Amino acid sequence: MLKNLAKINAQEMPVMVGETLESVVLKLEKFRKEGKSYFAVFNDQVLYSEDVTMDSAFQKCLHMSRQMYLYRYKQWLLSNNYSEDVIKTYVTSNLEEWINEGKKYIISTRSEDFELVCKGLANNVYSYMVIEQFIKVMELINKNFYFDDILDIIDSFNNNELNNNILLDLILNYTDIGPDFYTYSKSMNSFEYKYVGFCRKLNKRLKQDNDYNETCKDLMRRKINRIIICDSNRNIVSEGLVLINNSGKFEGIINNEFIVDGTIINSYISMDYYNTVNSSIYYGAKVKENDSFECYDDLDNVWYIYLKDINRDFKDELIIEKSIKDLKETFDSDINKSKKLVK
């Protein structure tokens, strides 16, 4: 029971861009040794300091053993004529210079965050080169090169899609020209238009020396909570993220496959939980002593629902909104296919 409650009350450990799964697991294991309860989200999977192991994390997050991952990693190095030791030496000897050079081009209030991101990228043999590429691109932008020419140079980097996205995200989130360059660089869907619009507002405020975290909170329309559903013994059965507005209405995704939506009025909660195959209705009241809602489903089984504040910002809000929309569209598509088969 104590272990279950520790997971429920665990604090979130942020995962930086470019951070490896190994480093995330090692940090969580360190917290466990210190008697602290934390969780981290990697590749949409939740890892807990209470019981994480390197092997279980690789299976859960990457769907392969750590041994298979290391084998593929070695094959990647060989196919590109790289040596791991040479890369590590090169990165270690240049990282401080890269960070200082990169800081010349970013919004000053993002300096500390930028340094953390660079260190995360430097620890990943697949993406360390993005730091150098960022500096090269920003040099050209500041020399008034045409955007088309800069995009040709980015193509010449021969990045995989992940590294290209990291590079564009660095420019978008950390530089004043970022929203304009990002808009020019690619065709965008409605989600990206919203995302870039918020970044434009954010960067404008940050140029006035506003605090990043406070500004992000000001831009949010709904608060983000971690939702945890437990059985009668407080074992975690499912969990996810929900968006809650000022009137108590909320929606979100659980286990990456269920939509939840509902309402909290005073100390009472009602919630629908569904996908195309299963659905349930939960209703109940807040239990003050353990900060949970004691609920019943449509079969009168007892469940406990916890809603926990977490340290997320407006970008996460937009991402959650998109995830909800995409999953609902998937459900609608599945239902339409089923109707056609029935006909």
C-alpha atoms as a PDB file:
ATOM      1  CA  MET A   1       0.000   0.000   0.000  1.00  0.00           C
ATOM      2  CA  LEU A   2       2.815   2.457   0.868  1.00  0.00           C
ATOM      3  CA  LYS A   3       4.463   1.813  -2.485  1.00  0.00           C
ATOM      4  CA  ASN A   4       1.162   2.468  -4.284  1.00  0.00           C
ATOM      5  CA  LEU A   5       0.652   5.762  -2.440  1.00  0.00           C
ATOM      6  CA  ALA A   6       4.248   6.781  -3.188  1.00  0.00           C
ATOM      7  CA  LYS A   7       3.572   6.383  -6.904  1.00  0.00           C
ATOM      8  CA  ILE A   8       0.327   8.324  -6.652  1.00  0.00           C
ATOM      9  CA  ASN A   9       2.071  11.210  -4.879  1.00  0.00           C
ATOM     10  CA  ALA A  10       5.253  11.079  -6.968  1.00  0.00           C
ATOM     11  CA  GLN A  11       6.646  14.354  -8.303  1.00  0.00           C
ATOM     12  CA  GLU A  12       7.392  14.747 -11.995  1.00  0.00           C
ATOM     13  CA  MET A  13      11.008  14.746 -13.145  1.00  0.00           C
ATOM     14  CA  PRO A  14      11.266  16.788 -16.377  1.00  0.00           C
ATOM     15  CA  VAL A  15      12.891  15.076 -19.375  1.00  0.00           C
ATOM     16  CA  MET A  16      14.977  17.416 -21.504  1.00  0.00           C
ATOM     17  CA  VAL A  17      15.111  17.456 -25.312  1.00  0.00           C
ATOM     18  CA  GLY A  18      17.738  14.984 -26.537  1.00  0.00           C
ATOM     19  CA  GLU A  19      18.021  13.226 -23.156  1.00  0.00           C
ATOM     20  CA  THR A  20      18.647   9.502 -23.400  1.00  0.00           C
ATOM     21  CA  LEU A  21      16.549   6.815 -21.765  1.00  0.00           C
ATOM     22  CA  GLU A  22      19.625   5.633 -19.846  1.00  0.00           C
ATOM     23  CA  SER A  23      20.097   9.037 -18.216  1.00  0.00           C
ATOM     24  CA  VAL A  24      16.407   9.208 -17.260  1.00  0.00           C
ATOM     25  CA  VAL A  25      16.532   5.765 -15.625  1.00  0.00           C
ATOM     26  CA  LEU A  26      19.776   6.563 -13.763  1.00  0.00           C
ATOM     27  CA  LYS A  27      18.233   9.750 -12.322  1.00  0.00           C
ATOM     28  CA  LEU A  28      15.119   7.880 -11.212  1.00  0.00           C
ATOM     29  CA  GLU A  29      17.224   5.141  -9.596  1.00  0.00           C
ATOM     30  CA  LYS A  30      19.208   7.850  -7.773  1.00  0.00           C
ATOM     31  CA  PHE A  31      15.961   9.281  -6.380  1.00  0.00           C
ATOM     32  CA  ARG A  32      14.935   5.798  -5.215  1.00  0.00           C
ATOM     33  CA  LYS A  33      18.230   5.390  -3.323  1.00  0.00           C
ATOM     34  CA  GLU A  34      17.593   8.776  -1.706  1.00  0.00           C
ATOM     35  CA  GLY A  35      14.114   7.671  -0.641  1.00  0.00           C
ATOM     36  CA  LYS A  36      12.387  10.160  -2.955  1.00  0.00           C
ATOM     37  CA  SER A  37       9.384   9.374  -5.134  1.00  0.00           C
ATOM     38  CA  TYR A  38       9.513  10.681  -8.713  1.00  0.00           C
ATOM     39  CA  PHE A  39       8.143   9.735 -12.116  1.00  0.00           C
ATOM     40  CA  ALA A  40       9.204  10.646 -15.651  1.00  0.00           C
ATOM     41  CA  VAL A  41       7.450  10.443 -19.005  1.00  0.00           C
ATOM     42  CA  PHE A  42       9.572   9.076 -21.847  1.00  0.00           C
ATOM     43  CA  ASN A  43       8.096   8.215 -25.244  1.00  0.00           C
ATOM     44  CA  ASP A  44       4.591   8.629 -23.729  1.00  0.00           C
ATOM     45  CA  GLN A  45       5.345   5.977 -21.090  1.00  0.00           C
ATOM     46  CA  VAL A  46       5.389   6.644 -17.326  1.00  0.00           C
ATOM     47  CA  LEU A  47       8.428   5.421 -15.383  1.00  0.00           C
ATOM     48  CA  TYR A  48       8.485   5.429 -11.569  1.00  0.00           C
ATOM     49  CA  SER A  49      11.524   5.706  -9.307  1.00  0.00           C
ATOM     50  CA  GLU A  50       9.950   3.043  -7.035  1.00  0.00           C
ATOM     51  CA  ASP A  51      10.411   0.136  -9.425  1.00  0.00           C
ATOM     52  CA  VAL A  52      12.153   1.272 -12.624  1.00  0.00           C
ATOM     53  CA  THR A  53      15.000  -0.860 -13.998  1.00  0.00           C
ATOM     54  CA  MET A  54      17.068  -0.301 -17.108  1.00  0.00           C
ATOM     55  CA  ASP A  55      15.707  -3.420 -18.831  1.00  0.00           C
ATOM     56  CA  SER A  56      12.051  -2.772 -17.960  1.00  0.00           C
ATOM     57  CA  ALA A  57      12.346   0.842 -19.133  1.00  0.00           C
ATOM     58  CA  PHE A  58      13.746  -0.180 -22.537  1.00  0.00           C
ATOM     59  CA  GLN A  59      11.005  -2.753 -23.053  1.00  0.00           C
ATOM     60  CA  LYS A  60       8.289  -0.308 -22.010  1.00  0.00           C
ATOM     61  CA  CYS A  61       9.527   2.790 -23.866  1.00  0.00           C
ATOM     62  CA  LEU A  62      11.354   1.410 -26.914  1.00  0.00           C
ATOM     63  CA  HIS A  63       9.787  -2.054 -27.223  1.00  0.00           C
ATOM     64  CA  MET A  64      13.165  -3.763 -27.305  1.00  0.00           C
ATOM     65  CA  SER A  65      15.724  -5.046 -24.821  1.00  0.00           C
ATOM     66  CA  ARG A  66      18.618  -2.818 -23.837  1.00  0.00           C
ATOM     67  CA  GLN A  67      20.937  -5.386 -25.416  1.00  0.00           C
ATOM     68  CA  MET A  68      19.159  -5.012 -28.780  1.00  0.00           C
ATOM     69  CA  TYR A  69      19.266  -1.205 -28.475  1.00  0.00           C
ATOM     70  CA  LEU A  70      23.021  -1.247 -27.833  1.00  0.00           C
ATOM     71  CA  TYR A  71      23.519  -3.575 -30.787  1.00  0.00           C
ATOM     72  CA  ARG A  72      21.645  -1.194 -33.116  1.00  0.00           C
ATOM     73  CA  TYR A  73      23.537   1.737 -31.631  1.00  0.00           C
ATOM     74  CA  LYS A  74      26.879   0.067 -32.411  1.00  0.00           C
ATOM     75  CA  GLN A  75      25.695  -0.732 -35.933  1.00  0.00           C
ATOM     76  CA  TRP A  76      24.758   2.920 -36.445  1.00  0.00           C
ATOM     77  CA  LEU A  77      28.227   4.033 -35.367  1.00  0.00           C
ATOM     78  CA  LEU A  78      29.891   1.536 -37.708  1.00  0.00           C
ATOM     79  CA  SER A  79      27.687   2.440 -40.683  1.00  0.00           C
ATOM     80  CA  ASN A  80      28.637   6.101 -40.284  1.00  0.00           C
ATOM     81  CA  ASN A  81      32.343   5.403 -39.662  1.00  0.00           C
ATOM     82  CA  TYR A  82      32.098   6.925 -36.194  1.00  0.00           C
ATOM     83  CA  SER A  83      33.877   5.955 -33.015  1.00  0.00           C
ATOM     84  CA  GLU A  84      32.029   6.486 -29.743  1.00  0.00           C
ATOM     85  CA  ASP A  85      35.216   7.601 -27.963  1.00  0.00           C
ATOM     86  CA  VAL A  86      36.047  10.074 -30.717  1.00  0.00           C
ATOM     87  CA  ILE A  87      32.539  11.562 -30.580  1.00  0.00           C
ATOM     88  CA  LYS A  88      32.632  11.882 -26.778  1.00  0.00           C
ATOM     89  CA  THR A  89      36.038  13.570 -26.878  1.00  0.00           C
ATOM     90  CA  TYR A  90      34.909  15.934 -29.631  1.00  0.00           C
ATOM     91  CA  VAL A  91      31.701  16.896 -27.803  1.00  0.00           C
ATOM     92  CA  THR A  92      33.378  17.286 -24.400  1.00  0.00           C
ATOM     93  CA  SER A  93      36.079  19.573 -25.788  1.00  0.00           C
ATOM     94  CA  ASN A  94      33.609  21.782 -27.673  1.00  0.00           C
ATOM     95  CA  LEU A  95      30.398  21.825 -25.624  1.00  0.00           C
ATOM     96  CA  GLU A  96      31.170  24.892 -23.492  1.00  0.00           C
ATOM     97  CA  GLU A  97      32.165  26.880 -26.567  1.00  0.00           C
ATOM     98  CA  TRP A  98      29.006  25.782 -28.412  1.00  0.00           C
ATOM     99  CA  ILE A  99      26.792  26.841 -25.515  1.00  0.00           C
ATOM    100  CA  ASN A 100      28.437  30.254 -25.210  1.00  0.00           C
ATOM    101  CA  GLU A 101      28.249  30.784 -28.968  1.00  0.00           C
ATOM    102  CA  GLY A 102      24.613  29.698 -29.090  1.00  0.00           C
ATOM    103  CA  LYS A 103      23.677  32.103 -26.289  1.00  0.00           C
ATOM    104  CA  LYS A 104      24.574  35.037 -28.564  1.00  0.00           C
ATOM    105  CA  TYR A 105      21.487  34.284 -30.654  1.00  0.00           C
ATOM    106  CA  ILE A 106      18.837  33.395 -28.093  1.00  0.00           C
ATOM    107  CA  ILE A 107      16.458  35.442 -25.971  1.00  0.00           C
ATOM    108  CA  SER A 108      18.460  36.211 -22.828  1.00  0.00           C
ATOM    109  CA  THR A 109      15.798  35.003 -20.379  1.00  0.00           C
ATOM    110  CA  ARG A 110      16.006  31.504 -21.953  1.00  0.00           C
ATOM    111  CA  SER A 111      19.752  31.187 -21.327  1.00  0.00           C
ATOM    112  CA  GLU A 112      19.572  28.655 -18.504  1.00  0.00           C
ATOM    113  CA  ASP A 113      17.037  26.446 -20.298  1.00  0.00           C
ATOM    114  CA  PHE A 114      19.071  26.599 -23.513  1.00  0.00           C
ATOM    115  CA  GLU A 115      22.161  25.380 -21.670  1.00  0.00           C
ATOM    116  CA  LEU A 116      20.259  22.401 -20.213  1.00  0.00           C
ATOM    117  CA  VAL A 117      18.905  21.450 -23.647  1.00  0.00           C
ATOM    118  CA  CYS A 118      22.396  21.616 -25.175  1.00  0.00           C
ATOM    119  CA  LYS A 119      23.788  19.361 -22.464  1.00  0.00           C
ATOM    120  CA  GLY A 120      20.959  16.904 -23.094  1.00  0.00           C
ATOM    121  CA  LEU A 121      21.691  16.867 -26.822  1.00  0.00           C
ATOM    122  CA  ALA A 122      25.410  16.485 -26.143  1.00  0.00           C
ATOM    123  CA  ASN A 123      24.748  13.310 -24.156  1.00  0.00           C
ATOM    124  CA  ASN A 124      23.013  11.721 -27.137  1.00  0.00           C
ATOM    125  CA  VAL A 125      25.303  10.406 -29.871  1.00  0.00           C
ATOM    126  CA  TYR A 126      22.436  10.680 -32.377  1.00  0.00           C
ATOM    127  CA  SER A 127      21.748  14.386 -31.858  1.00  0.00           C
ATOM    128  CA  TYR A 128      24.845  16.182 -30.539  1.00  0.00           C
ATOM    129  CA  MET A 129      25.415  17.715 -33.996  1.00  0.00           C
ATOM    130  CA  VAL A 130      22.175  19.732 -33.756  1.00  0.00           C
ATOM    131  CA  ILE A 131      23.929  22.230 -31.451  1.00  0.00           C
ATOM    132  CA  GLU A 132      26.526  23.049 -34.108  1.00  0.00           C
ATOM    133  CA  GLN A 133      23.824  23.214 -36.760  1.00  0.00           C
ATOM    134  CA  PHE A 134      21.808  25.673 -34.668  1.00  0.00           C
ATOM    135  CA  ILE A 135      24.819  27.993 -34.409  1.00  0.00           C
ATOM    136  CA  LYS A 136      25.508  27.762 -38.150  1.00  0.00           C
ATOM    137  CA  VAL A 137      21.883  28.557 -39.053  1.00  0.00           C
ATOM    138  CA  MET A 138      21.678  31.493 -36.636  1.00  0.00           C
ATOM    139  CA  GLU A 139      24.936  32.925 -37.996  1.00  0.00           C
ATOM    140  CA  LEU A 140      23.433  32.910 -41.484  1.00  0.00           C
ATOM    141  CA  ILE A 141      20.124  34.412 -40.333  1.00  0.00           C
ATOM    142  CA  ASN A 142      22.010  37.219 -38.602  1.00  0.00           C
ATOM    143  CA  LYS A 143      23.993  37.846 -41.796  1.00  0.00           C
ATOM    144  CA  ASN A 144      20.647  38.357 -43.587  1.00  0.00           C
ATOM    145  CA  PHE A 145      20.896  35.253 -45.772  1.00  0.00           C
ATOM    146  CA  TYR A 146      17.691  34.437 -47.634  1.00  0.00           C
ATOM    147  CA  PHE A 147      15.531  31.861 -45.846  1.00  0.00           C
ATOM    148  CA  ASP A 148      15.488  29.689 -48.996  1.00  0.00           C
ATOM    149  CA  ASP A 149      19.289  29.474 -48.970  1.00  0.00           C
ATOM    150  CA  ILE A 150      19.295  28.593 -45.279  1.00  0.00           C
ATOM    151  CA  LEU A 151      16.772  25.817 -45.866  1.00  0.00           C
ATOM    152  CA  ASP A 152      19.039  24.405 -48.590  1.00  0.00           C
ATOM    153  CA  ILE A 153      21.882  24.364 -46.071  1.00  0.00           C
ATOM    154  CA  ILE A 154      19.674  22.584 -43.509  1.00  0.00           C
ATOM    155  CA  ASP A 155      18.904  19.953 -46.166  1.00  0.00           C
ATOM    156  CA  SER A 156      22.646  19.486 -46.670  1.00  0.00           C
ATOM    157  CA  PHE A 157      22.984  18.442 -43.006  1.00  0.00           C
ATOM    158  CA  ASN A 158      21.287  15.127 -43.956  1.00  0.00           C
ATOM    159  CA  ASN A 159      19.527  14.965 -40.602  1.00  0.00           C
ATOM    160  CA  ASN A 160      16.931  12.376 -39.766  1.00  0.00           C
ATOM    161  CA  GLU A 161      13.439  13.753 -39.181  1.00  0.00           C
ATOM    162  CA  LEU A 162      13.868  13.830 -35.392  1.00  0.00           C
ATOM    163  CA  ASN A 163      17.011  15.980 -35.525  1.00  0.00           C
ATOM    164  CA  ASN A 164      15.470  18.325 -38.090  1.00  0.00           C
ATOM    165  CA  ASN A 165      12.506  18.833 -35.764  1.00  0.00           C
ATOM    166  CA  ILE A 166      14.811  19.463 -32.796  1.00  0.00           C
ATOM    167  CA  LEU A 167      16.757  22.037 -34.825  1.00  0.00           C
ATOM    168  CA  LEU A 168      13.609  23.888 -35.938  1.00  0.00           C
ATOM    169  CA  ASP A 169      12.188  23.734 -32.398  1.00  0.00           C
ATOM    170  CA  LEU A 170      15.377  25.274 -30.983  1.00  0.00           C
ATOM    171  CA  ILE A 171      15.129  28.149 -33.446  1.00  0.00           C
ATOM    172  CA  LEU A 172      11.386  28.565 -32.815  1.00  0.00           C
ATOM    173  CA  ASN A 173      11.493  28.478 -29.016  1.00  0.00           C
ATOM    174  CA  TYR A 174      14.730  30.264 -28.217  1.00  0.00           C
ATOM    175  CA  THR A 175      15.149  33.045 -30.798  1.00  0.00           C
ATOM    176  CA  ASP A 176      13.248  36.187 -31.629  1.00  0.00           C
ATOM    177  CA  ILE A 177      13.159  35.376 -35.353  1.00  0.00           C
ATOM    178  CA  GLY A 178      12.114  31.778 -34.628  1.00  0.00           C
ATOM    179  CA  PRO A 179       8.353  32.050 -35.307  1.00  0.00           C
ATOM    180  CA  ASP A 180       8.959  33.784 -38.667  1.00  0.00           C
ATOM    181  CA  PHE A 181      11.591  31.277 -39.751  1.00  0.00           C
ATOM    182  CA  TYR A 182       9.514  28.279 -38.630  1.00  0.00           C
ATOM    183  CA  THR A 183       6.452  29.574 -40.497  1.00  0.00           C
ATOM    184  CA  TYR A 184       8.508  29.990 -43.665  1.00  0.00           C
ATOM    185  CA  SER A 185      10.281  26.642 -43.295  1.00  0.00           C
ATOM    186  CA  LYS A 186       7.367  24.251 -43.510  1.00  0.00           C
ATOM    187  CA  SER A 187       3.705  23.864 -44.297  1.00  0.00           C
ATOM    188  CA  MET A 188       1.843  23.811 -41.005  1.00  0.00           C
ATOM    189  CA  ASN A 189      -1.327  22.203 -39.723  1.00  0.00           C
ATOM    190  CA  SER A 190      -3.777  23.986 -37.409  1.00  0.00           C
ATOM    191  CA  PHE A 191      -1.961  22.733 -34.312  1.00  0.00           C
ATOM    192  CA  GLU A 192       1.367  24.175 -35.477  1.00  0.00           C
ATOM    193  CA  TYR A 193      -0.258  27.523 -36.304  1.00  0.00           C
ATOM    194  CA  LYS A 194      -1.540  27.721 -32.723  1.00  0.00           C
ATOM    195  CA  TYR A 195       1.828  26.607 -31.362  1.00  0.00           C
ATOM    196  CA  VAL A 196       3.770  29.185 -33.377  1.00  0.00           C
ATOM    197  CA  GLY A 197       1.257  31.889 -32.424  1.00  0.00           C
ATOM    198  CA  PHE A 198       1.783  31.192 -28.734  1.00  0.00           C
ATOM    199  CA  CYS A 199       5.562  31.155 -29.219  1.00  0.00           C
ATOM    200  CA  ARG A 200       5.329  34.555 -30.893  1.00  0.00           C
ATOM    201  CA  LYS A 201       3.423  35.953 -27.890  1.00  0.00           C
ATOM    202  CA  LEU A 202       5.790  34.257 -25.468  1.00  0.00           C
ATOM    203  CA  ASN A 203       8.983  35.484 -27.158  1.00  0.00           C
ATOM    204  CA  LYS A 204       7.617  39.025 -27.297  1.00  0.00           C
ATOM    205  CA  ARG A 205       7.023  39.020 -23.545  1.00  0.00           C
ATOM    206  CA  LEU A 206      10.361  37.366 -22.794  1.00  0.00           C
ATOM    207  CA  LYS A 207      12.181  40.144 -24.657  1.00  0.00           C
ATOM    208  CA  GLN A 208      10.801  42.455 -21.953  1.00  0.00           C
ATOM    209  CA  ASP A 209      12.676  40.355 -19.356  1.00  0.00           C
ATOM    210  CA  ASN A 210       9.557  38.603 -18.092  1.00  0.00           C
ATOM    211  CA  ASP A 211      10.043  35.312 -16.250  1.00  0.00           C
ATOM    212  CA  TYR A 212       9.640  32.297 -18.559  1.00  0.00           C
ATOM    213  CA  ASN A 213       7.671  30.046 -16.190  1.00  0.00           C
ATOM    214  CA  GLU A 214       5.332  32.824 -15.071  1.00  0.00           C
ATOM    215  CA  THR A 215       4.718  33.926 -18.655  1.00  0.00           C
ATOM    216  CA  CYS A 216       3.897  30.353 -19.681  1.00  0.00           C
ATOM    217  CA  LYS A 217       1.353  30.133 -16.870  1.00  0.00           C
ATOM    218  CA  ASP A 218      -0.223  33.440 -17.920  1.00  0.00           C
ATOM    219  CA  LEU A 219      -0.693  32.141 -21.469  1.00  0.00           C
ATOM    220  CA  MET A 220      -2.438  28.944 -20.394  1.00  0.00           C
ATOM    221  CA  ARG A 221      -6.214  28.766 -20.734  1.00  0.00           C
ATOM    222  CA  ARG A 222      -6.689  25.535 -18.777  1.00  0.00           C
ATOM    223  CA  LYS A 223      -4.663  23.903 -16.033  1.00  0.00           C
ATOM    224  CA  ILE A 224      -3.088  20.491 -16.607  1.00  0.00           C
ATOM    225  CA  ASN A 225      -3.533  17.708 -14.081  1.00  0.00           C
ATOM    226  CA  ARG A 226      -2.207  14.213 -13.920  1.00  0.00           C
ATOM    227  CA  ILE A 227      -5.176  11.851 -13.513  1.00  0.00           C
ATOM    228  CA  ILE A 228      -4.690   8.486 -11.789  1.00  0.00           C
ATOM    229  CA  ILE A 229      -7.369   5.808 -11.500  1.00  0.00           C
ATOM    230  CA  CYS A 230      -6.828   3.202  -8.772  1.00  0.00           C
ATOM    231  CA  ASP A 231      -8.714   0.097  -7.748  1.00  0.00           C
ATOM    232  CA  SER A 232     -10.134  -0.412  -4.243  1.00  0.00           C
ATOM    233  CA  ASN A 233      -6.635  -1.370  -2.969  1.00  0.00           C
ATOM    234  CA  ARG A 234      -5.095   1.865  -4.339  1.00  0.00           C
ATOM    235  CA  ASN A 235      -3.253  -0.007  -7.101  1.00  0.00           C
ATOM    236  CA  ILE A 236      -2.765   2.212 -10.147  1.00  0.00           C
ATOM    237  CA  VAL A 237      -4.863   0.825 -13.004  1.00  0.00           C
ATOM    238  CA  SER A 238      -4.558   3.663 -15.498  1.00  0.00           C
ATOM    239  CA  GLU A 239      -3.290   7.229 -15.737  1.00  0.00           C
ATOM    240  CA  GLY A 240      -2.936  10.148 -18.088  1.00  0.00           C
ATOM    241  CA  LEU A 241      -3.302  13.926 -18.414  1.00  0.00           C
ATOM    242  CA  VAL A 242      -6.405  16.114 -18.363  1.00  0.00           C
ATOM    243  CA  LEU A 243      -7.144  19.763 -19.099  1.00  0.00           C
ATOM    244  CA  ILE A 244      -9.441  21.461 -16.562  1.00  0.00           C
ATOM    245  CA  ASN A 245     -11.155  24.824 -17.137  1.00  0.00           C
ATOM    246  CA  ASN A 246     -12.345  27.311 -14.517  1.00  0.00           C
ATOM    247  CA  SER A 247     -15.859  25.865 -14.409  1.00  0.00           C
ATOM    248  CA  GLY A 248     -14.577  22.380 -13.532  1.00  0.00           C
ATOM    249  CA  LYS A 249     -15.094  20.755 -16.934  1.00  0.00           C
ATOM    250  CA  PHE A 250     -12.207  18.546 -18.027  1.00  0.00           C
ATOM    251  CA  GLU A 251     -11.058  16.257 -20.823  1.00  0.00           C
ATOM    252  CA  GLY A 252      -7.974  14.199 -21.450  1.00  0.00           C
ATOM    253  CA  ILE A 253      -6.395  10.921 -22.482  1.00  0.00           C
ATOM    254  CA  ILE A 254      -5.655   7.872 -20.335  1.00  0.00           C
ATOM    255  CA  ASN A 255      -3.169   5.142 -21.258  1.00  0.00           C
ATOM    256  CA  ASN A 256      -2.905   6.702 -24.739  1.00  0.00           C
ATOM    257  CA  GLU A 257      -6.091   4.877 -25.766  1.00  0.00           C
ATOM    258  CA  PHE A 258      -9.043   6.157 -23.721  1.00  0.00           C
ATOM    259  CA  ILE A 259     -10.750   9.556 -23.777  1.00  0.00           C
ATOM    260  CA  VAL A 260     -11.988  10.929 -20.467  1.00  0.00           C
ATOM    261  CA  ASP A 261     -14.296  13.884 -20.060  1.00  0.00           C
ATOM    262  CA  GLY A 262     -16.294  15.028 -17.109  1.00  0.00           C
ATOM    263  CA  THR A 263     -17.071  17.701 -14.558  1.00  0.00           C
ATOM    264  CA  ILE A 264     -16.022  18.557 -11.033  1.00  0.00           C
ATOM    265  CA  ILE A 265     -18.641  20.543  -9.093  1.00  0.00           C
ATOM    266  CA  ASN A 266     -17.673  21.424  -5.536  1.00  0.00           C
ATOM    267  CA  SER A 267     -16.417  18.094  -4.152  1.00  0.00           C
ATOM    268  CA  TYR A 268     -18.242  15.838  -6.635  1.00  0.00           C
ATOM    269  CA  ILE A 269     -16.963  14.314  -9.849  1.00  0.00           C
ATOM    270  CA  SER A 270     -18.624  12.602 -12.802  1.00  0.00           C
ATOM    271  CA  MET A 271     -16.599  11.224 -15.671  1.00  0.00           C
ATOM    272  CA  ASP A 272     -16.995   9.260 -18.905  1.00  0.00           C
ATOM    273  CA  TYR A 273     -14.139   6.956 -19.872  1.00  0.00           C
ATOM    274  CA  TYR A 274     -14.288   5.443 -23.350  1.00  0.00           C
ATOM    275  CA  ASN A 275     -12.780   4.233 -26.593  1.00  0.00           C
ATOM    276  CA  THR A 276     -14.432   2.445 -29.507  1.00  0.00           C
ATOM    277  CA  VAL A 277     -14.581  -0.856 -27.583  1.00  0.00           C
ATOM    278  CA  ASN A 278     -15.034  -0.045 -23.881  1.00  0.00           C
ATOM    279  CA  SER A 279     -16.770   2.645 -21.867  1.00  0.00           C
ATOM    280  CA  SER A 280     -17.495   3.355 -18.227  1.00  0.00           C
ATOM    281  CA  ILE A 281     -19.089   6.092 -16.154  1.00  0.00           C
ATOM    282  CA  TYR A 282     -17.543   7.104 -12.837  1.00  0.00           C
ATOM    283  CA  TYR A 283     -19.209   9.265 -10.201  1.00  0.00           C
ATOM    284  CA  GLY A 284     -18.337  10.048  -6.608  1.00  0.00           C
ATOM    285  CA  ALA A 285     -17.181  12.535  -4.007  1.00  0.00           C
ATOM    286  CA  LYS A 286     -13.898  13.847  -2.629  1.00  0.00           C
ATOM    287  CA  VAL A 287     -12.375  11.992   0.300  1.00  0.00           C
ATOM    288  CA  LYS A 288     -10.442  14.643   2.216  1.00  0.00           C
ATOM    289  CA  GLU A 289      -8.079  12.427   4.184  1.00  0.00           C
ATOM    290  CA  ASN A 290      -6.320  11.028   1.111  1.00  0.00           C
ATOM    291  CA  ASP A 291      -7.087  13.754  -1.439  1.00  0.00           C
ATOM    292  CA  SER A 292      -8.911  11.417  -3.824  1.00  0.00           C
ATOM    293  CA  PHE A 293     -12.399  11.002  -5.215  1.00  0.00           C
ATOM    294  CA  GLU A 294     -14.061   7.797  -4.026  1.00  0.00           C
ATOM    295  CA  CYS A 295     -16.065   6.720  -7.064  1.00  0.00           C
ATOM    296  CA  TYR A 296     -18.344   4.013  -8.371  1.00  0.00           C
ATOM    297  CA  ASP A 297     -18.636   2.770 -11.937  1.00  0.00           C
ATOM    298  CA  ASP A 298     -21.802   1.600 -13.704  1.00  0.00           C
ATOM    299  CA  LEU A 299     -21.335  -1.846 -12.118  1.00  0.00           C
ATOM    300  CA  ASP A 300     -20.986  -0.343  -8.615  1.00  0.00           C
ATOM    301  CA  ASN A 301     -17.292  -1.257  -8.322  1.00  0.00           C
ATOM    302  CA  VAL A 302     -15.258   1.081  -6.087  1.00  0.00           C
ATOM    303  CA  TRP A 303     -12.476   3.183  -7.635  1.00  0.00           C
ATOM    304  CA  TYR A 304     -10.281   6.024  -6.435  1.00  0.00           C
ATOM    305  CA  ILE A 305      -9.483   8.918  -8.768  1.00  0.00           C
ATOM    306  CA  TYR A 306      -6.625  11.309  -8.044  1.00  0.00           C
ATOM    307  CA  LEU A 307      -5.999  14.636  -9.780  1.00  0.00           C
ATOM    308  CA  LYS A 308      -2.493  16.012  -9.267  1.00  0.00           C
ATOM    309  CA  ASP A 309      -1.026  19.335 -10.355  1.00  0.00           C
ATOM    310  CA  ILE A 310       2.122  18.926 -12.436  1.00  0.00           C
ATOM    311  CA  ASN A 311       4.733  21.299 -13.803  1.00  0.00           C
ATOM    312  CA  ARG A 312       3.607  21.658 -17.427  1.00  0.00           C
ATOM    313  CA  ASP A 313       3.160  24.761 -19.563  1.00  0.00           C
ATOM    314  CA  PHE A 314       1.086  26.108 -22.468  1.00  0.00           C
ATOM    315  CA  LYS A 315       2.975  24.005 -25.014  1.00  0.00           C
ATOM    316  CA  ASP A 316       1.879  20.870 -23.188  1.00  0.00           C
ATOM    317  CA  GLU A 317      -1.671  22.221 -23.180  1.00  0.00           C
ATOM    318  CA  LEU A 318      -1.617  22.515 -26.967  1.00  0.00           C
ATOM    319  CA  ILE A 319      -0.049  19.071 -27.366  1.00  0.00           C
ATOM    320  CA  ILE A 320      -2.703  17.489 -25.130  1.00  0.00           C
ATOM    321  CA  GLU A 321      -5.445  19.256 -27.093  1.00  0.00           C
ATOM    322  CA  LYS A 322      -4.046  17.854 -30.328  1.00  0.00           C
ATOM    323  CA  SER A 323      -3.727  14.348 -28.868  1.00  0.00           C
ATOM    324  CA  ILE A 324      -7.366  14.420 -27.761  1.00  0.00           C
ATOM    325  CA  LYS A 325      -8.513  15.631 -31.180  1.00  0.00           C
ATOM    326  CA  ASP A 326      -6.422  13.001 -33.013  1.00  0.00           C
ATOM    327  CA  LEU A 327      -7.675  10.162 -30.812  1.00  0.00           C
ATOM    328  CA  LYS A 328     -11.305  11.231 -31.235  1.00  0.00           C
ATOM    329  CA  GLU A 329     -10.830  11.332 -35.005  1.00  0.00           C
ATOM    330  CA  THR A 330      -9.370   7.819 -34.850  1.00  0.00           C
ATOM    331  CA  PHE A 331     -12.446   6.644 -32.915  1.00  0.00           C
ATOM    332  CA  ASP A 332     -14.766   8.273 -35.470  1.00  0.00           C
ATOM    333  CA  SER A 333     -12.846   6.626 -38.303  1.00  0.00           C
ATOM    334  CA  ASP A 334     -13.063   3.197 -36.644  1.00  0.00           C
ATOM    335  CA  ILE A 335     -16.804   3.621 -36.067  1.00  0.00           C
ATOM    336  CA  ASN A 336     -17.394   4.633 -39.684  1.00  0.00           C
ATOM    337  CA  LYS A 337     -15.423   1.621 -40.917  1.00  0.00           C
ATOM    338  CA  SER A 338     -17.523  -0.651 -38.692  1.00  0.00           C
ATOM    339  CA  LYS A 339     -20.746   0.831 -40.080  1.00  0.00           C
ATOM    340  CA  LYS A 340     -19.578   0.196 -43.647  1.00  0.00           C
ATOM    341  CA  LEU A 341     -18.734  -3.432 -42.799  1.00  0.00           C
ATOM    342  CA  VAL A 342     -22.179  -3.928 -41.257  1.00  0.00           C
ATOM    343  CA  LYS A 343     -23.853  -2.601 -44.429  1.00  0.00           C
END
